[in-house]
Amino acid sequence: MLSIVKFQLHHQHKQLTVALSSETGNQALTESWQFSYEFLRVLESSQAISAFAANASSNPKGKAPALATHKKDVVLTRIEAVGKHGYRLLFDDSYQVIYSEAQLALFHQQADHLWQGYLQQLSNSGHSRDAMIDIKQL
């Protein structure tokens, strides 16, 4: 079984590389996964909305979770180990989320499907990935 051995933040490309390794017998297996910061930032809200929609008929009075929008330029600032639970990802917009190794593996396997689902939800909402205003530092 592969285990996470290292995270590498690539701020220029807004990408996270997850390095994994496993030793089986005499062989060492290695693999790396790439995730955009935006993907990791918006994924939880997108999945919550999908789950809510699937269960809407059984809970018609429930309030749908908010879709994360305007996060194209979000930056992943830090990653912290959270014991056996996984890893806390902290973003520059004060958002934080904990993902387990199993969740990250699932995201890697289903990245295209999950991303397309998010883009469809975004299109349906009438919002955008782009930041609402352009902030420039002086």
N, C-alpha and C. Protein backbone atom coordinates (compact mmCIF):
# COMPACT_ATOMS: atom_id res chain seq x y z
N MET A 1 0.84 -1.18 0.00
CA MET A 1 0.00 0.00 0.00
C MET A 1 0.88 1.25 0.00
N LEU A 2 0.52 2.19 -0.83
CA LEU A 2 1.28 3.43 -0.92
C LEU A 2 0.94 4.34 0.26
N SER A 3 1.97 5.01 0.77
CA SER A 3 1.79 5.97 1.86
C SER A 3 2.42 7.30 1.45
N ILE A 4 1.82 8.37 1.92
CA ILE A 4 2.35 9.70 1.62
C ILE A 4 3.67 9.89 2.35
N VAL A 5 4.68 10.33 1.60
CA VAL A 5 5.99 10.59 2.21
C VAL A 5 6.37 12.06 2.15
N LYS A 6 5.75 12.81 1.23
CA LYS A 6 6.13 14.22 1.11
C LYS A 6 5.07 15.00 0.35
N PHE A 7 4.90 16.25 0.78
CA PHE A 7 4.07 17.21 0.05
C PHE A 7 5.00 18.29 -0.48
N GLN A 8 4.78 18.72 -1.70
CA GLN A 8 5.57 19.81 -2.25
C GLN A 8 4.62 20.85 -2.86
N LEU A 9 4.71 22.08 -2.36
CA LEU A 9 3.89 23.18 -2.85
C LEU A 9 4.61 23.88 -3.98
N HIS A 10 3.93 24.10 -5.09
CA HIS A 10 4.48 24.81 -6.24
C HIS A 10 3.63 26.06 -6.44
N HIS A 11 3.99 27.13 -5.73
CA HIS A 11 3.17 28.35 -5.75
C HIS A 11 3.10 28.98 -7.14
N GLN A 12 4.16 28.89 -7.92
CA GLN A 12 4.16 29.50 -9.25
C GLN A 12 3.06 28.90 -10.13
N HIS A 13 2.87 27.59 -10.02
CA HIS A 13 1.86 26.90 -10.84
C HIS A 13 0.59 26.59 -10.05
N LYS A 14 0.57 26.99 -8.78
CA LYS A 14 -0.59 26.74 -7.90
C LYS A 14 -0.95 25.25 -7.90
N GLN A 15 0.08 24.43 -7.66
CA GLN A 15 -0.08 22.98 -7.68
C GLN A 15 0.54 22.37 -6.42
N LEU A 16 -0.08 21.28 -5.97
CA LEU A 16 0.47 20.47 -4.89
C LEU A 16 0.89 19.13 -5.49
N THR A 17 2.11 18.71 -5.17
CA THR A 17 2.56 17.38 -5.54
C THR A 17 2.59 16.54 -4.27
N VAL A 18 1.95 15.38 -4.33
CA VAL A 18 1.95 14.44 -3.22
C VAL A 18 2.83 13.27 -3.64
N ALA A 19 3.93 13.05 -2.91
CA ALA A 19 4.83 11.94 -3.21
C ALA A 19 4.45 10.76 -2.32
N LEU A 20 4.35 9.59 -2.93
CA LEU A 20 3.97 8.38 -2.21
C LEU A 20 5.01 7.30 -2.43
N SER A 21 5.12 6.39 -1.47
CA SER A 21 6.08 5.31 -1.58
C SER A 21 5.55 4.09 -0.85
N SER A 22 5.99 2.93 -1.30
CA SER A 22 5.64 1.67 -0.66
C SER A 22 6.75 0.68 -0.92
N GLU A 23 7.10 -0.07 0.10
CA GLU A 23 8.10 -1.10 -0.09
C GLU A 23 7.41 -2.45 -0.02
N THR A 24 7.54 -3.21 -1.10
CA THR A 24 6.98 -4.55 -1.14
C THR A 24 8.10 -5.52 -1.47
N GLY A 25 8.51 -6.29 -0.48
CA GLY A 25 9.62 -7.20 -0.70
C GLY A 25 10.90 -6.44 -1.00
N ASN A 26 11.50 -6.72 -2.13
CA ASN A 26 12.75 -6.06 -2.52
C ASN A 26 12.52 -4.81 -3.34
N GLN A 27 11.27 -4.54 -3.69
CA GLN A 27 10.98 -3.41 -4.57
C GLN A 27 10.39 -2.24 -3.80
N ALA A 28 10.79 -1.06 -4.21
CA ALA A 28 10.18 0.16 -3.66
C ALA A 28 9.35 0.78 -4.78
N LEU A 29 8.07 0.95 -4.51
CA LEU A 29 7.18 1.58 -5.48
C LEU A 29 7.04 3.05 -5.12
N THR A 30 7.10 3.90 -6.12
CA THR A 30 6.90 5.32 -5.88
C THR A 30 5.89 5.86 -6.88
N GLU A 31 5.20 6.88 -6.46
CA GLU A 31 4.19 7.51 -7.30
C GLU A 31 4.04 8.94 -6.84
N SER A 32 3.57 9.80 -7.73
CA SER A 32 3.26 11.17 -7.30
C SER A 32 1.94 11.60 -7.93
N TRP A 33 1.21 12.39 -7.17
CA TRP A 33 -0.08 12.91 -7.61
C TRP A 33 0.00 14.42 -7.66
N GLN A 34 -0.65 15.02 -8.63
CA GLN A 34 -0.71 16.47 -8.78
C GLN A 34 -2.14 16.94 -8.57
N PHE A 35 -2.29 17.98 -7.77
CA PHE A 35 -3.60 18.60 -7.55
C PHE A 35 -3.43 20.11 -7.66
N SER A 36 -4.37 20.76 -8.30
CA SER A 36 -4.34 22.23 -8.28
C SER A 36 -4.85 22.69 -6.93
N TYR A 37 -4.37 23.83 -6.49
CA TYR A 37 -4.85 24.40 -5.22
C TYR A 37 -6.36 24.62 -5.29
N GLU A 38 -6.81 25.13 -6.42
CA GLU A 38 -8.24 25.42 -6.57
C GLU A 38 -9.07 24.14 -6.42
N PHE A 39 -8.64 23.06 -7.03
CA PHE A 39 -9.35 21.78 -6.94
C PHE A 39 -9.51 21.36 -5.49
N LEU A 40 -8.42 21.41 -4.73
CA LEU A 40 -8.47 21.00 -3.32
C LEU A 40 -9.33 21.95 -2.49
N ARG A 41 -9.37 23.22 -2.87
CA ARG A 41 -10.14 24.22 -2.12
C ARG A 41 -11.65 24.08 -2.35
N VAL A 42 -12.05 23.79 -3.58
CA VAL A 42 -13.49 23.79 -3.90
C VAL A 42 -14.13 22.42 -3.77
N LEU A 43 -13.33 21.38 -3.67
CA LEU A 43 -13.86 20.03 -3.75
C LEU A 43 -14.87 19.69 -2.67
N GLU A 44 -14.59 20.05 -1.43
CA GLU A 44 -15.48 19.68 -0.33
C GLU A 44 -16.87 20.29 -0.51
N SER A 45 -16.94 21.56 -0.90
CA SER A 45 -18.26 22.19 -1.07
C SER A 45 -19.00 21.56 -2.25
N SER A 46 -18.28 21.21 -3.30
CA SER A 46 -18.90 20.59 -4.47
C SER A 46 -19.49 19.23 -4.12
N GLN A 47 -18.74 18.44 -3.36
CA GLN A 47 -19.22 17.12 -2.96
C GLN A 47 -20.41 17.24 -2.01
N ALA A 48 -20.38 18.22 -1.12
CA ALA A 48 -21.49 18.42 -0.18
C ALA A 48 -22.77 18.77 -0.93
N ILE A 49 -22.63 19.59 -1.97
CA ILE A 49 -23.80 19.97 -2.77
C ILE A 49 -24.35 18.75 -3.52
N SER A 50 -23.47 17.93 -4.06
CA SER A 50 -23.92 16.72 -4.76
C SER A 50 -24.65 15.79 -3.81
N ALA A 51 -24.11 15.61 -2.61
CA ALA A 51 -24.75 14.75 -1.61
C ALA A 51 -26.09 15.32 -1.19
N PHE A 52 -26.15 16.63 -1.03
CA PHE A 52 -27.41 17.28 -0.65
C PHE A 52 -28.47 17.07 -1.73
N ALA A 53 -28.07 17.25 -2.98
CA ALA A 53 -29.02 17.09 -4.09
C ALA A 53 -29.54 15.65 -4.15
N ALA A 54 -28.66 14.69 -3.89
CA ALA A 54 -29.07 13.29 -3.93
C ALA A 54 -30.06 12.96 -2.83
N ASN A 55 -29.99 13.67 -1.70
CA ASN A 55 -30.87 13.40 -0.56
C ASN A 55 -31.97 14.44 -0.40
N ALA A 56 -32.13 15.33 -1.35
CA ALA A 56 -33.09 16.44 -1.22
C ALA A 56 -34.52 15.96 -1.04
N SER A 57 -34.88 14.87 -1.67
CA SER A 57 -36.27 14.40 -1.56
C SER A 57 -36.59 13.91 -0.14
N SER A 58 -35.58 13.41 0.57
CA SER A 58 -35.82 12.94 1.93
C SER A 58 -35.70 14.05 2.96
N ASN A 59 -35.15 15.20 2.57
CA ASN A 59 -34.98 16.32 3.49
C ASN A 59 -35.30 17.62 2.74
N PRO A 60 -36.56 17.84 2.36
CA PRO A 60 -36.89 18.99 1.52
C PRO A 60 -36.69 20.35 2.19
N LYS A 61 -36.65 20.39 3.52
CA LYS A 61 -36.50 21.67 4.22
C LYS A 61 -35.04 22.01 4.52
N GLY A 62 -34.13 21.11 4.24
CA GLY A 62 -32.72 21.35 4.52
C GLY A 62 -32.16 22.45 3.63
N LYS A 63 -31.15 23.12 4.13
CA LYS A 63 -30.51 24.19 3.37
C LYS A 63 -29.29 23.64 2.64
N ALA A 64 -29.21 23.91 1.37
CA ALA A 64 -28.08 23.44 0.56
C ALA A 64 -26.80 24.14 0.99
N PRO A 65 -25.68 23.41 1.02
CA PRO A 65 -24.41 24.06 1.33
C PRO A 65 -24.02 25.04 0.22
N ALA A 66 -23.20 26.01 0.56
CA ALA A 66 -22.77 27.01 -0.41
C ALA A 66 -21.64 26.46 -1.28
N LEU A 67 -21.71 26.72 -2.56
CA LEU A 67 -20.67 26.33 -3.50
C LEU A 67 -19.52 27.32 -3.40
N ALA A 68 -18.29 26.81 -3.33
CA ALA A 68 -17.12 27.69 -3.30
C ALA A 68 -16.90 28.25 -4.70
N THR A 69 -16.94 29.56 -4.82
CA THR A 69 -16.77 30.22 -6.12
C THR A 69 -15.64 31.24 -6.03
N HIS A 70 -15.17 31.68 -7.19
CA HIS A 70 -14.14 32.72 -7.28
C HIS A 70 -12.84 32.29 -6.58
N LYS A 71 -12.44 31.03 -6.74
CA LYS A 71 -11.26 30.50 -6.04
C LYS A 71 -10.12 30.15 -6.98
N LYS A 72 -10.14 30.64 -8.20
CA LYS A 72 -9.11 30.31 -9.18
C LYS A 72 -7.70 30.67 -8.70
N ASP A 73 -7.58 31.77 -7.97
CA ASP A 73 -6.25 32.23 -7.54
C ASP A 73 -5.93 31.91 -6.09
N VAL A 74 -6.70 31.02 -5.47
CA VAL A 74 -6.44 30.67 -4.07
C VAL A 74 -5.06 30.01 -3.95
N VAL A 75 -4.44 30.21 -2.79
CA VAL A 75 -3.10 29.64 -2.55
C VAL A 75 -3.17 28.73 -1.33
N LEU A 76 -2.62 27.54 -1.47
CA LEU A 76 -2.47 26.62 -0.36
C LEU A 76 -1.22 27.06 0.39
N THR A 77 -1.38 27.49 1.63
CA THR A 77 -0.26 28.08 2.36
C THR A 77 0.48 27.10 3.25
N ARG A 78 -0.25 26.09 3.76
CA ARG A 78 0.40 25.19 4.71
C ARG A 78 -0.36 23.87 4.77
N ILE A 79 0.37 22.81 5.12
CA ILE A 79 -0.22 21.49 5.33
C ILE A 79 0.28 20.99 6.67
N GLU A 80 -0.65 20.51 7.50
CA GLU A 80 -0.31 20.01 8.82
C GLU A 80 -0.82 18.57 8.96
N ALA A 81 0.01 17.70 9.55
CA ALA A 81 -0.44 16.35 9.86
C ALA A 81 -1.42 16.43 11.03
N VAL A 82 -2.50 15.67 10.94
CA VAL A 82 -3.52 15.65 11.99
C VAL A 82 -3.66 14.21 12.48
N GLY A 83 -2.61 13.70 13.09
CA GLY A 83 -2.63 12.35 13.63
C GLY A 83 -3.05 11.33 12.61
N LYS A 84 -3.90 10.41 13.03
CA LYS A 84 -4.37 9.34 12.13
C LYS A 84 -5.48 9.81 11.21
N HIS A 85 -5.95 11.04 11.41
CA HIS A 85 -7.08 11.54 10.63
C HIS A 85 -6.70 11.99 9.23
N GLY A 86 -5.49 12.42 9.04
CA GLY A 86 -5.07 12.88 7.72
C GLY A 86 -4.25 14.13 7.78
N TYR A 87 -4.55 15.05 6.88
CA TYR A 87 -3.75 16.27 6.73
C TYR A 87 -4.67 17.48 6.62
N ARG A 88 -4.33 18.51 7.38
CA ARG A 88 -5.10 19.76 7.33
C ARG A 88 -4.46 20.66 6.28
N LEU A 89 -5.25 21.09 5.32
CA LEU A 89 -4.80 22.02 4.29
C LEU A 89 -5.32 23.41 4.65
N LEU A 90 -4.42 24.38 4.70
CA LEU A 90 -4.78 25.75 5.05
C LEU A 90 -4.55 26.64 3.83
N PHE A 91 -5.55 27.44 3.51
CA PHE A 91 -5.52 28.28 2.32
C PHE A 91 -5.45 29.76 2.70
N ASP A 92 -5.02 30.58 1.76
CA ASP A 92 -4.84 32.01 2.05
C ASP A 92 -6.15 32.77 2.24
N ASP A 93 -7.28 32.14 1.99
CA ASP A 93 -8.58 32.80 2.23
C ASP A 93 -9.16 32.38 3.59
N SER A 94 -8.30 31.87 4.46
CA SER A 94 -8.65 31.44 5.83
C SER A 94 -9.45 30.14 5.88
N TYR A 95 -9.61 29.48 4.76
CA TYR A 95 -10.33 28.20 4.72
C TYR A 95 -9.36 27.09 5.08
N GLN A 96 -9.85 26.09 5.79
CA GLN A 96 -9.04 24.91 6.08
C GLN A 96 -9.92 23.67 6.02
N VAL A 97 -9.32 22.57 5.63
CA VAL A 97 -10.05 21.32 5.48
C VAL A 97 -9.09 20.18 5.80
N ILE A 98 -9.63 19.09 6.32
CA ILE A 98 -8.82 17.90 6.60
C ILE A 98 -9.20 16.82 5.60
N TYR A 99 -8.19 16.29 4.91
CA TYR A 99 -8.38 15.18 3.98
C TYR A 99 -7.52 14.01 4.45
N SER A 100 -8.08 12.81 4.41
CA SER A 100 -7.33 11.61 4.75
C SER A 100 -6.56 11.13 3.51
N GLU A 101 -5.65 10.18 3.73
CA GLU A 101 -4.94 9.60 2.59
C GLU A 101 -5.92 8.93 1.64
N ALA A 102 -6.93 8.27 2.19
CA ALA A 102 -7.93 7.59 1.36
C ALA A 102 -8.71 8.59 0.51
N GLN A 103 -9.05 9.75 1.08
CA GLN A 103 -9.76 10.77 0.31
C GLN A 103 -8.87 11.31 -0.81
N LEU A 104 -7.60 11.56 -0.50
CA LEU A 104 -6.69 12.07 -1.53
C LEU A 104 -6.53 11.04 -2.65
N ALA A 105 -6.47 9.76 -2.29
CA ALA A 105 -6.38 8.70 -3.30
C ALA A 105 -7.62 8.70 -4.19
N LEU A 106 -8.78 8.85 -3.58
CA LEU A 106 -10.03 8.91 -4.34
C LEU A 106 -10.06 10.14 -5.25
N PHE A 107 -9.60 11.27 -4.74
CA PHE A 107 -9.54 12.49 -5.56
C PHE A 107 -8.64 12.28 -6.76
N HIS A 108 -7.52 11.60 -6.53
CA HIS A 108 -6.58 11.32 -7.63
C HIS A 108 -7.24 10.43 -8.68
N GLN A 109 -7.93 9.39 -8.24
CA GLN A 109 -8.57 8.45 -9.15
C GLN A 109 -9.72 9.08 -9.92
N GLN A 110 -10.45 9.98 -9.29
CA GLN A 110 -11.65 10.54 -9.90
C GLN A 110 -11.52 12.03 -10.22
N ALA A 111 -10.31 12.51 -10.35
CA ALA A 111 -10.07 13.96 -10.51
C ALA A 111 -10.86 14.56 -11.67
N ASP A 112 -10.82 13.94 -12.83
CA ASP A 112 -11.52 14.50 -13.99
C ASP A 112 -13.03 14.57 -13.75
N HIS A 113 -13.59 13.50 -13.24
CA HIS A 113 -15.03 13.45 -12.97
C HIS A 113 -15.42 14.49 -11.92
N LEU A 114 -14.65 14.58 -10.84
CA LEU A 114 -14.95 15.55 -9.77
C LEU A 114 -14.84 16.98 -10.27
N TRP A 115 -13.81 17.25 -11.06
CA TRP A 115 -13.61 18.61 -11.58
C TRP A 115 -14.75 18.99 -12.53
N GLN A 116 -15.12 18.08 -13.42
CA GLN A 116 -16.22 18.37 -14.35
C GLN A 116 -17.54 18.60 -13.59
N GLY A 117 -17.75 17.83 -12.53
CA GLY A 117 -18.94 18.03 -11.70
C GLY A 117 -18.95 19.40 -11.06
N TYR A 118 -17.79 19.84 -10.57
CA TYR A 118 -17.69 21.17 -9.98
C TYR A 118 -17.96 22.25 -11.03
N LEU A 119 -17.36 22.11 -12.20
CA LEU A 119 -17.56 23.11 -13.25
C LEU A 119 -19.03 23.19 -13.67
N GLN A 120 -19.71 22.05 -13.69
CA GLN A 120 -21.13 22.04 -14.02
C GLN A 120 -21.94 22.76 -12.95
N GLN A 121 -21.64 22.49 -11.69
CA GLN A 121 -22.32 23.18 -10.59
C GLN A 121 -22.07 24.68 -10.66
N LEU A 122 -20.84 25.05 -10.98
CA LEU A 122 -20.47 26.46 -11.08
C LEU A 122 -21.26 27.13 -12.21
N SER A 123 -21.34 26.46 -13.35
CA SER A 123 -22.09 26.98 -14.49
C SER A 123 -23.57 27.14 -14.13
N ASN A 124 -24.13 26.15 -13.47
CA ASN A 124 -25.54 26.20 -13.07
C ASN A 124 -25.82 27.34 -12.08
N SER A 125 -24.80 27.68 -11.28
CA SER A 125 -24.99 28.73 -10.26
C SER A 125 -24.87 30.14 -10.83
N GLY A 126 -24.28 30.24 -12.03
CA GLY A 126 -24.08 31.55 -12.64
C GLY A 126 -22.86 32.28 -12.12
N HIS A 127 -22.04 31.59 -11.31
CA HIS A 127 -20.83 32.21 -10.77
C HIS A 127 -19.62 31.85 -11.63
N SER A 128 -18.46 32.29 -11.18
CA SER A 128 -17.23 32.12 -11.94
C SER A 128 -16.12 31.58 -11.05
N ARG A 129 -15.09 31.05 -11.69
CA ARG A 129 -13.88 30.65 -10.98
C ARG A 129 -13.01 31.86 -10.68
N ASP A 130 -13.09 32.88 -11.53
CA ASP A 130 -12.22 34.05 -11.40
C ASP A 130 -12.53 34.86 -10.16
N ALA A 131 -11.50 35.54 -9.64
CA ALA A 131 -11.68 36.41 -8.49
C ALA A 131 -12.65 37.53 -8.85
N MET A 132 -13.40 37.99 -7.87
CA MET A 132 -14.40 39.03 -8.12
C MET A 132 -13.78 40.39 -8.41
N ILE A 133 -12.66 40.69 -7.74
CA ILE A 133 -11.96 41.95 -7.98
C ILE A 133 -10.48 41.65 -8.10
N ASP A 134 -9.79 42.47 -8.83
CA ASP A 134 -8.36 42.31 -9.00
C ASP A 134 -7.66 43.15 -7.94
N ILE A 135 -7.02 42.49 -7.00
CA ILE A 135 -6.31 43.19 -5.94
C ILE A 135 -4.83 43.21 -6.28
N LYS A 136 -4.26 44.39 -6.29
CA LYS A 136 -2.84 44.54 -6.58
C LYS A 136 -2.15 45.11 -5.36
N GLN A 137 -1.00 44.55 -5.03
CA GLN A 137 -0.24 45.06 -3.90
C GLN A 137 0.53 46.29 -4.34
N LEU A 138 0.61 47.23 -3.44
CA LEU A 138 1.36 48.46 -3.74
C LEU A 138 2.80 48.30 -3.38
